[in-house]
Amino acid sequence: MGTLWDTFYTSQAAHRERVKNGAKVLNLRNIPQEKNDMGLMQWYMHPELKDRSINTLIVAMQEIKPGSRSGKLKRAGGQLVYIWHGAKGHTDLNGKRYDWSKGDIVQLPLLTDGNVVQHFNDDSAASAYLLCVEVNTLDLLGVDRGPGFEMLEKAPD
């Protein structure tokens, strides 16, 4: 195995290989949609996706069906949610309603006690698509990232 110091060089080589050969363009049509406790999501970047050229961000597209909602989650924050498509909706953030429409950005602040967040699609005819982006701090801070990571309510879809 060698020394722990030697692992720096092994890691460096693996990182350089990922940067050289990892995906540079990610096409939404080629990314599978998964149904999870938050709803319907497609992951552009995730700590477990090792075939990307960088792994410094977590990026996902979330679809919320007409008149539906995401799951409700307690999380640290530090996430931007860009409303990529959707006529109207709202986000419940720590018990306060924030209305949004296409082109808006919802900011989930970093709070010591965390945030409780849930997104709602108020359009009865079209799905809303939310592009969620945050710095990948999972390896540094763990999934809890301070205040915890707890599913409070599952999405219906």
Protein backbone atom coordinates (compact mmCIF):
# COMPACT_ATOMS: atom_id res chain seq x y z
CA MET A 1 0.00 0.00 0.00
CA GLY A 2 2.79 2.44 0.78
CA THR A 3 2.46 5.41 3.09
CA LEU A 4 -0.38 7.84 3.57
CA TRP A 5 1.89 10.41 1.93
CA ASP A 6 2.01 8.17 -1.15
CA THR A 7 -1.79 8.30 -1.37
CA PHE A 8 -1.54 12.01 -2.24
CA TYR A 9 0.19 11.02 -5.47
CA THR A 10 -2.29 8.21 -6.14
CA SER A 11 -5.18 10.62 -5.55
CA GLN A 12 -3.51 13.22 -7.75
CA ALA A 13 -3.21 10.74 -10.59
CA ALA A 14 -6.85 9.65 -10.21
CA HIS A 15 -8.00 13.28 -10.15
CA ARG A 16 -6.00 14.14 -13.25
CA GLU A 17 -7.46 11.10 -15.03
CA ARG A 18 -11.02 12.14 -14.08
CA VAL A 19 -10.40 15.70 -15.30
CA LYS A 20 -8.93 14.42 -18.57
CA ASN A 21 -11.52 11.71 -19.34
CA GLY A 22 -14.60 12.76 -17.35
CA ALA A 23 -17.74 14.14 -18.93
CA LYS A 24 -17.40 17.74 -20.12
CA VAL A 25 -20.93 18.16 -21.50
CA LEU A 26 -23.97 16.78 -19.69
CA ASN A 27 -27.16 16.57 -21.71
CA LEU A 28 -30.43 16.46 -19.78
CA ARG A 29 -31.90 14.01 -22.32
CA ASN A 30 -29.18 11.49 -21.39
CA ILE A 31 -29.56 11.78 -17.63
CA PRO A 32 -32.05 9.31 -16.11
CA GLN A 33 -34.84 10.65 -13.95
CA GLU A 34 -35.15 9.09 -10.52
CA LYS A 35 -38.10 9.08 -8.16
CA ASN A 36 -36.94 9.66 -4.61
CA ASP A 37 -38.33 11.09 -1.35
CA MET A 38 -38.00 14.64 -2.71
CA GLY A 39 -39.87 13.76 -5.93
CA LEU A 40 -38.61 13.46 -9.51
CA MET A 41 -34.95 14.41 -10.01
CA GLN A 42 -32.15 14.23 -12.56
CA TRP A 43 -28.60 14.53 -11.25
CA TYR A 44 -26.07 16.43 -13.36
CA MET A 45 -23.47 16.30 -10.60
CA HIS A 46 -23.48 14.27 -7.38
CA PRO A 47 -20.67 13.06 -5.10
CA GLU A 48 -21.32 9.46 -6.21
CA LEU A 49 -21.14 10.24 -9.94
CA LYS A 50 -17.46 9.59 -10.56
CA ASP A 51 -17.58 9.95 -14.37
CA ARG A 52 -17.79 13.77 -14.29
CA SER A 53 -14.66 15.85 -14.87
CA ILE A 54 -15.23 17.85 -11.69
CA ASN A 55 -16.93 16.96 -8.43
CA THR A 56 -17.06 20.33 -6.65
CA LEU A 57 -20.79 20.99 -7.06
CA ILE A 58 -24.06 19.16 -6.53
CA VAL A 59 -26.45 19.97 -9.39
CA ALA A 60 -29.89 18.48 -9.94
CA MET A 61 -33.01 19.23 -11.96
CA GLN A 62 -36.21 18.66 -9.99
CA GLU A 63 -39.55 18.27 -11.73
CA ILE A 64 -42.71 19.08 -9.80
CA LYS A 65 -45.87 17.92 -11.54
CA PRO A 66 -48.80 20.34 -12.02
CA GLY A 67 -50.45 21.19 -8.70
CA SER A 68 -48.01 19.03 -6.74
CA ARG A 69 -45.13 19.59 -4.33
CA SER A 70 -41.67 18.36 -3.43
CA GLY A 71 -40.88 16.50 -0.27
CA LYS A 72 -40.27 18.55 2.87
CA LEU A 73 -36.68 18.51 4.07
CA LYS A 74 -34.66 19.86 6.94
CA ARG A 75 -31.24 20.77 5.60
CA ALA A 76 -28.28 23.06 6.21
CA GLY A 77 -28.90 25.45 3.33
CA GLY A 78 -26.33 27.00 1.03
CA GLN A 79 -28.33 26.06 -2.07
CA LEU A 80 -29.59 28.11 -5.00
CA VAL A 81 -32.76 26.99 -6.74
CA TYR A 82 -33.24 28.45 -10.22
CA ILE A 83 -36.80 28.25 -11.55
CA TRP A 84 -35.92 27.02 -15.02
CA HIS A 85 -39.50 26.41 -16.17
CA GLY A 86 -42.85 26.91 -14.51
CA ALA A 87 -45.52 29.58 -14.58
CA LYS A 88 -45.95 30.01 -10.85
CA GLY A 89 -45.24 28.33 -7.57
CA HIS A 90 -43.94 28.95 -4.11
CA THR A 91 -41.41 27.73 -1.60
CA ASP A 92 -42.16 27.30 2.08
CA LEU A 93 -38.91 28.19 3.84
CA ASN A 94 -38.94 27.93 7.62
CA GLY A 95 -42.69 28.52 7.73
CA LYS A 96 -42.71 31.54 5.42
CA ARG A 97 -44.09 31.52 1.88
CA TYR A 98 -41.99 32.84 -1.01
CA ASP A 99 -43.75 33.08 -4.39
CA TRP A 100 -41.75 32.48 -7.57
CA SER A 101 -42.08 32.20 -11.34
CA LYS A 102 -39.88 31.25 -14.29
CA GLY A 103 -36.45 32.89 -14.13
CA ASP A 104 -36.46 33.50 -10.36
CA ILE A 105 -33.84 32.20 -7.93
CA VAL A 106 -34.71 30.92 -4.47
CA GLN A 107 -31.80 31.17 -2.02
CA LEU A 108 -31.59 28.76 0.91
CA PRO A 109 -29.35 30.50 3.44
CA LEU A 110 -26.85 28.71 5.65
CA LEU A 111 -28.40 28.77 9.13
CA THR A 112 -27.02 27.30 12.34
CA ASP A 113 -30.29 25.49 13.05
CA GLY A 114 -30.85 24.63 9.41
CA ASN A 115 -33.81 25.22 7.11
CA VAL A 116 -37.08 23.41 6.61
CA VAL A 117 -37.92 23.71 2.91
CA GLN A 118 -40.64 22.50 0.54
CA HIS A 119 -41.42 23.63 -3.03
CA PHE A 120 -44.94 23.83 -4.52
CA ASN A 121 -46.04 24.04 -8.17
CA ASP A 122 -49.14 26.26 -8.18
CA ASP A 123 -49.71 25.75 -11.92
CA SER A 124 -52.44 23.20 -12.63
CA ALA A 125 -51.40 22.64 -16.25
CA ALA A 126 -47.59 22.46 -16.53
CA SER A 127 -44.72 20.95 -14.60
CA ALA A 128 -42.24 23.20 -12.83
CA TYR A 129 -38.52 22.49 -13.27
CA LEU A 130 -36.13 23.66 -10.57
CA LEU A 131 -32.38 23.63 -11.10
CA CYS A 132 -30.78 23.09 -7.67
CA VAL A 133 -27.10 23.98 -7.21
CA GLU A 134 -24.81 23.88 -4.19
CA VAL A 135 -21.18 23.42 -3.31
CA ASN A 136 -20.27 19.79 -2.64
CA THR A 137 -19.43 19.92 1.07
CA LEU A 138 -20.45 16.31 1.75
CA ASP A 139 -16.90 14.97 1.86
CA LEU A 140 -15.82 17.83 4.11
CA LEU A 141 -18.75 18.09 6.52
CA GLY A 142 -20.77 14.90 6.04
CA VAL A 143 -24.42 14.66 5.01
CA ASP A 144 -25.67 16.43 8.18
CA ARG A 145 -23.47 19.47 7.47
CA GLY A 146 -24.19 20.78 10.97
CA PRO A 147 -27.93 20.99 11.68
CA GLY A 148 -28.88 17.61 10.20
CA PHE A 149 -30.46 16.16 7.09
CA GLU A 150 -33.91 14.78 7.80
CA MET A 151 -36.80 13.88 5.50
CA LEU A 152 -39.89 15.46 7.08
CA GLU A 153 -42.43 14.62 4.37
CA LYS A 154 -42.18 12.64 1.14
CA ALA A 155 -43.29 14.03 -2.22
CA PRO A 156 -46.55 12.53 -3.51
CA ASP A 157 -45.26 11.82 -7.03
